[in-house]
Amino acid sequence: MADFTPVIAVSDLVKGQGRTVEIAGKRIAIFNVDDQIYALEDDCPHRGGPLGPGWVTAEKCTVACPLHGWEFDLKTGAGLTVPARPVRTYPVKVVEGKIEVAV
């Protein structure tokens, strides 16, 4: 079972935006969509673009890579733009106002 690591206060993650954090040498993109927190690997499989600063669409619960627009489902990591490949998702929980991610 993976250990959860506290990374950021929920209040520091603006709704509808993402942010990149580093845990155990891995870059993880975390997102707040309508008070639901999601975590994905921060590298777009197309050209390694960062997903943390990507464009979030709350209605679809997706993020698009800011380099070339490849889109990913925040819940599953599925690539939605052909031929996008999936990105890894990570378990998330909130404890006492802090977001914790297991890698």
N, C-alpha and C. Protein backbone atom coordinates (compact mmCIF):
# COMPACT_ATOMS: atom_id res chain seq x y z
N MET A 1 0.83 -1.18 0.00
CA MET A 1 0.00 0.00 0.00
C MET A 1 0.88 1.24 0.00
N ALA A 2 0.57 2.18 -0.87
CA ALA A 2 1.37 3.40 -1.00
C ALA A 2 1.12 4.35 0.17
N ASP A 3 2.15 5.06 0.55
CA ASP A 3 2.02 6.07 1.59
C ASP A 3 1.55 7.38 0.98
N PHE A 4 0.66 8.06 1.69
CA PHE A 4 0.19 9.36 1.25
C PHE A 4 1.14 10.44 1.76
N THR A 5 1.45 11.40 0.89
CA THR A 5 2.34 12.51 1.23
C THR A 5 1.56 13.82 1.15
N PRO A 6 1.56 14.63 2.24
CA PRO A 6 0.92 15.94 2.16
C PRO A 6 1.69 16.83 1.20
N VAL A 7 0.95 17.53 0.29
CA VAL A 7 1.64 18.34 -0.70
C VAL A 7 1.26 19.81 -0.70
N ILE A 8 0.00 20.12 -0.40
CA ILE A 8 -0.44 21.51 -0.49
C ILE A 8 -1.77 21.65 0.25
N ALA A 9 -2.03 22.83 0.75
CA ALA A 9 -3.33 23.09 1.38
C ALA A 9 -4.40 23.21 0.30
N VAL A 10 -5.57 22.69 0.56
CA VAL A 10 -6.68 22.80 -0.39
C VAL A 10 -6.92 24.26 -0.75
N SER A 11 -6.81 25.15 0.23
CA SER A 11 -7.06 26.58 0.00
C SER A 11 -6.04 27.22 -0.96
N ASP A 12 -4.90 26.56 -1.18
CA ASP A 12 -3.87 27.07 -2.09
C ASP A 12 -4.03 26.56 -3.52
N LEU A 13 -5.04 25.72 -3.76
CA LEU A 13 -5.27 25.18 -5.10
C LEU A 13 -6.58 25.76 -5.62
N VAL A 14 -6.48 26.72 -6.51
CA VAL A 14 -7.63 27.45 -7.04
C VAL A 14 -8.54 26.50 -7.82
N LYS A 15 -9.85 26.62 -7.59
CA LYS A 15 -10.81 25.81 -8.34
C LYS A 15 -10.65 26.06 -9.83
N GLY A 16 -10.68 24.97 -10.59
CA GLY A 16 -10.58 25.08 -12.05
C GLY A 16 -9.17 25.23 -12.56
N GLN A 17 -8.19 25.06 -11.70
CA GLN A 17 -6.80 25.16 -12.12
C GLN A 17 -5.99 23.99 -11.60
N GLY A 18 -4.80 23.85 -12.14
CA GLY A 18 -3.90 22.81 -11.71
C GLY A 18 -2.62 23.40 -11.17
N ARG A 19 -1.82 22.53 -10.59
CA ARG A 19 -0.54 22.94 -10.03
C ARG A 19 0.37 21.72 -10.03
N THR A 20 1.64 21.95 -10.23
CA THR A 20 2.61 20.87 -10.23
C THR A 20 3.34 20.83 -8.89
N VAL A 21 3.47 19.62 -8.35
CA VAL A 21 4.22 19.39 -7.12
C VAL A 21 5.20 18.26 -7.39
N GLU A 22 6.17 18.11 -6.52
CA GLU A 22 7.12 17.00 -6.66
C GLU A 22 7.03 16.12 -5.42
N ILE A 23 6.90 14.81 -5.68
CA ILE A 23 6.84 13.84 -4.59
C ILE A 23 7.79 12.70 -4.96
N ALA A 24 8.73 12.42 -4.09
CA ALA A 24 9.68 11.32 -4.29
C ALA A 24 10.32 11.38 -5.68
N GLY A 25 10.69 12.57 -6.11
CA GLY A 25 11.35 12.75 -7.39
C GLY A 25 10.44 12.70 -8.60
N LYS A 26 9.13 12.60 -8.38
CA LYS A 26 8.17 12.57 -9.50
C LYS A 26 7.38 13.87 -9.53
N ARG A 27 7.18 14.40 -10.75
CA ARG A 27 6.33 15.58 -10.91
C ARG A 27 4.88 15.11 -11.05
N ILE A 28 4.03 15.64 -10.18
CA ILE A 28 2.62 15.28 -10.14
C ILE A 28 1.80 16.55 -10.34
N ALA A 29 0.81 16.48 -11.23
CA ALA A 29 -0.10 17.60 -11.45
C ALA A 29 -1.35 17.35 -10.62
N ILE A 30 -1.73 18.33 -9.80
CA ILE A 30 -2.94 18.19 -9.01
C ILE A 30 -3.95 19.26 -9.45
N PHE A 31 -5.22 18.90 -9.40
CA PHE A 31 -6.28 19.77 -9.91
C PHE A 31 -7.45 19.81 -8.94
N ASN A 32 -8.12 20.97 -8.89
CA ASN A 32 -9.33 21.15 -8.11
C ASN A 32 -10.45 21.46 -9.09
N VAL A 33 -11.36 20.51 -9.28
CA VAL A 33 -12.51 20.71 -10.17
C VAL A 33 -13.76 20.55 -9.32
N ASP A 34 -14.43 21.66 -9.08
CA ASP A 34 -15.66 21.66 -8.27
C ASP A 34 -15.45 20.95 -6.93
N ASP A 35 -14.35 21.29 -6.28
CA ASP A 35 -13.98 20.76 -4.96
C ASP A 35 -13.62 19.27 -4.96
N GLN A 36 -13.45 18.68 -6.13
CA GLN A 36 -12.91 17.32 -6.23
C GLN A 36 -11.44 17.45 -6.62
N ILE A 37 -10.58 16.74 -5.94
CA ILE A 37 -9.14 16.83 -6.19
C ILE A 37 -8.69 15.61 -6.99
N TYR A 38 -7.89 15.87 -8.02
CA TYR A 38 -7.37 14.81 -8.89
C TYR A 38 -5.85 14.98 -8.99
N ALA A 39 -5.15 13.86 -9.22
CA ALA A 39 -3.70 13.89 -9.40
C ALA A 39 -3.31 13.01 -10.58
N LEU A 40 -2.48 13.56 -11.46
CA LEU A 40 -1.98 12.86 -12.65
C LEU A 40 -0.49 13.03 -12.74
N GLU A 41 0.16 12.13 -13.48
CA GLU A 41 1.57 12.40 -13.78
C GLU A 41 1.60 13.70 -14.58
N ASP A 42 2.64 14.47 -14.41
CA ASP A 42 2.70 15.82 -14.97
C ASP A 42 3.29 15.87 -16.38
N ASP A 43 3.54 14.75 -17.01
CA ASP A 43 4.16 14.74 -18.34
C ASP A 43 3.19 14.27 -19.41
N CYS A 44 2.88 15.13 -20.36
CA CYS A 44 2.07 14.73 -21.51
C CYS A 44 2.89 13.73 -22.33
N PRO A 45 2.30 12.60 -22.71
CA PRO A 45 3.07 11.61 -23.46
C PRO A 45 3.43 12.04 -24.88
N HIS A 46 2.89 13.14 -25.36
CA HIS A 46 3.21 13.61 -26.71
C HIS A 46 4.63 14.15 -26.79
N ARG A 47 4.90 15.21 -26.04
CA ARG A 47 6.22 15.83 -26.06
C ARG A 47 6.72 16.19 -24.66
N GLY A 48 6.11 15.57 -23.63
CA GLY A 48 6.58 15.82 -22.26
C GLY A 48 6.14 17.15 -21.68
N GLY A 49 5.14 17.78 -22.29
CA GLY A 49 4.65 19.06 -21.77
C GLY A 49 4.06 18.90 -20.39
N PRO A 50 4.10 19.97 -19.59
CA PRO A 50 3.56 19.90 -18.23
C PRO A 50 2.04 20.00 -18.24
N LEU A 51 1.37 19.12 -17.51
CA LEU A 51 -0.09 19.17 -17.46
C LEU A 51 -0.60 20.09 -16.35
N GLY A 52 0.19 20.31 -15.32
CA GLY A 52 -0.23 21.18 -14.20
C GLY A 52 -0.73 22.54 -14.64
N PRO A 53 -0.03 23.22 -15.55
CA PRO A 53 -0.51 24.53 -16.00
C PRO A 53 -1.46 24.45 -17.20
N GLY A 54 -1.95 23.24 -17.48
CA GLY A 54 -2.83 23.05 -18.64
C GLY A 54 -4.19 23.69 -18.47
N TRP A 55 -5.01 23.58 -19.52
CA TRP A 55 -6.34 24.18 -19.54
C TRP A 55 -7.35 23.18 -19.01
N VAL A 56 -8.00 23.53 -17.90
CA VAL A 56 -8.98 22.66 -17.27
C VAL A 56 -10.38 23.00 -17.78
N THR A 57 -11.14 21.97 -18.13
CA THR A 57 -12.54 22.13 -18.50
C THR A 57 -13.36 21.39 -17.45
N ALA A 58 -14.00 22.16 -16.56
CA ALA A 58 -14.74 21.56 -15.45
C ALA A 58 -15.92 20.72 -15.93
N GLU A 59 -16.62 21.17 -16.96
CA GLU A 59 -17.79 20.45 -17.45
C GLU A 59 -17.46 19.04 -17.90
N LYS A 60 -16.28 18.86 -18.48
CA LYS A 60 -15.85 17.55 -18.97
C LYS A 60 -14.89 16.86 -18.01
N CYS A 61 -14.42 17.60 -16.99
CA CYS A 61 -13.43 17.10 -16.03
C CYS A 61 -12.17 16.64 -16.78
N THR A 62 -11.62 17.56 -17.58
CA THR A 62 -10.44 17.26 -18.38
C THR A 62 -9.38 18.35 -18.22
N VAL A 63 -8.17 18.01 -18.65
CA VAL A 63 -7.10 18.98 -18.76
C VAL A 63 -6.47 18.80 -20.14
N ALA A 64 -6.09 19.92 -20.75
CA ALA A 64 -5.41 19.89 -22.04
C ALA A 64 -3.99 20.40 -21.87
N CYS A 65 -3.05 19.70 -22.47
CA CYS A 65 -1.64 20.10 -22.42
C CYS A 65 -1.49 21.48 -23.05
N PRO A 66 -0.77 22.38 -22.38
CA PRO A 66 -0.62 23.73 -22.92
C PRO A 66 0.30 23.81 -24.15
N LEU A 67 1.03 22.75 -24.46
CA LEU A 67 1.91 22.80 -25.63
C LEU A 67 1.18 22.50 -26.93
N HIS A 68 0.40 21.43 -26.96
CA HIS A 68 -0.23 21.03 -28.22
C HIS A 68 -1.70 20.66 -28.08
N GLY A 69 -2.28 20.83 -26.88
CA GLY A 69 -3.71 20.64 -26.71
C GLY A 69 -4.20 19.22 -26.50
N TRP A 70 -3.30 18.26 -26.35
CA TRP A 70 -3.78 16.89 -26.07
C TRP A 70 -4.59 16.93 -24.78
N GLU A 71 -5.74 16.25 -24.78
CA GLU A 71 -6.67 16.33 -23.67
C GLU A 71 -6.73 15.00 -22.90
N PHE A 72 -6.85 15.11 -21.57
CA PHE A 72 -6.87 13.94 -20.70
C PHE A 72 -8.00 14.03 -19.69
N ASP A 73 -8.62 12.88 -19.42
CA ASP A 73 -9.67 12.78 -18.41
C ASP A 73 -9.00 12.82 -17.03
N LEU A 74 -9.42 13.75 -16.18
CA LEU A 74 -8.81 13.87 -14.86
C LEU A 74 -9.14 12.71 -13.94
N LYS A 75 -10.26 12.06 -14.15
CA LYS A 75 -10.66 10.95 -13.28
C LYS A 75 -9.90 9.67 -13.59
N THR A 76 -9.67 9.41 -14.89
CA THR A 76 -9.09 8.13 -15.30
C THR A 76 -7.70 8.24 -15.92
N GLY A 77 -7.32 9.43 -16.35
CA GLY A 77 -6.05 9.61 -17.05
C GLY A 77 -6.12 9.25 -18.52
N ALA A 78 -7.30 8.83 -19.00
CA ALA A 78 -7.45 8.43 -20.40
C ALA A 78 -7.12 9.59 -21.34
N GLY A 79 -6.40 9.26 -22.41
CA GLY A 79 -6.13 10.24 -23.45
C GLY A 79 -7.36 10.39 -24.32
N LEU A 80 -7.82 11.62 -24.51
CA LEU A 80 -9.05 11.86 -25.25
C LEU A 80 -8.81 12.42 -26.65
N THR A 81 -7.60 12.84 -26.93
CA THR A 81 -7.27 13.39 -28.23
C THR A 81 -6.49 12.34 -29.01
N VAL A 82 -7.02 11.90 -30.13
CA VAL A 82 -6.35 10.87 -30.93
C VAL A 82 -5.06 11.46 -31.47
N PRO A 83 -3.93 10.84 -31.29
CA PRO A 83 -3.71 9.50 -30.75
C PRO A 83 -3.20 9.51 -29.31
N ALA A 84 -3.72 10.37 -28.47
CA ALA A 84 -3.22 10.51 -27.09
C ALA A 84 -3.22 9.18 -26.34
N ARG A 85 -2.16 8.97 -25.62
CA ARG A 85 -2.04 7.81 -24.76
C ARG A 85 -2.42 8.24 -23.33
N PRO A 86 -2.79 7.33 -22.48
CA PRO A 86 -3.19 7.71 -21.12
C PRO A 86 -2.01 8.18 -20.28
N VAL A 87 -2.33 8.90 -19.22
CA VAL A 87 -1.34 9.27 -18.21
C VAL A 87 -1.76 8.61 -16.90
N ARG A 88 -0.81 8.38 -16.06
CA ARG A 88 -1.07 7.71 -14.79
C ARG A 88 -1.81 8.64 -13.83
N THR A 89 -2.76 8.08 -13.10
CA THR A 89 -3.45 8.81 -12.04
C THR A 89 -2.91 8.33 -10.70
N TYR A 90 -3.11 9.16 -9.68
CA TYR A 90 -2.64 8.82 -8.34
C TYR A 90 -3.77 8.99 -7.33
N PRO A 91 -3.82 8.14 -6.30
CA PRO A 91 -4.84 8.30 -5.25
C PRO A 91 -4.62 9.61 -4.49
N VAL A 92 -5.73 10.24 -4.14
CA VAL A 92 -5.70 11.53 -3.44
C VAL A 92 -6.67 11.47 -2.27
N LYS A 93 -6.30 12.15 -1.19
CA LYS A 93 -7.25 12.35 -0.10
C LYS A 93 -6.95 13.70 0.54
N VAL A 94 -7.93 14.23 1.25
CA VAL A 94 -7.77 15.48 1.95
C VAL A 94 -7.86 15.21 3.45
N VAL A 95 -6.84 15.64 4.18
CA VAL A 95 -6.78 15.42 5.62
C VAL A 95 -6.49 16.77 6.28
N GLU A 96 -7.44 17.21 7.11
CA GLU A 96 -7.28 18.46 7.84
C GLU A 96 -6.89 19.62 6.93
N GLY A 97 -7.55 19.71 5.78
CA GLY A 97 -7.33 20.82 4.86
C GLY A 97 -6.10 20.69 3.97
N LYS A 98 -5.39 19.57 4.07
CA LYS A 98 -4.20 19.35 3.24
C LYS A 98 -4.49 18.26 2.21
N ILE A 99 -4.03 18.48 0.99
CA ILE A 99 -4.12 17.46 -0.05
C ILE A 99 -2.96 16.50 0.11
N GLU A 100 -3.28 15.21 0.13
CA GLU A 100 -2.26 14.17 0.22
C GLU A 100 -2.36 13.28 -1.01
N VAL A 101 -1.21 12.91 -1.57
CA VAL A 101 -1.15 12.09 -2.78
C VAL A 101 -0.27 10.88 -2.51
N ALA A 102 -0.70 9.73 -2.99
CA ALA A 102 0.09 8.49 -2.87
C ALA A 102 0.74 8.19 -4.21
N VAL A 103 2.07 8.04 -4.20
CA VAL A 103 2.79 7.72 -5.46
C VAL A 103 3.46 6.36 -5.34
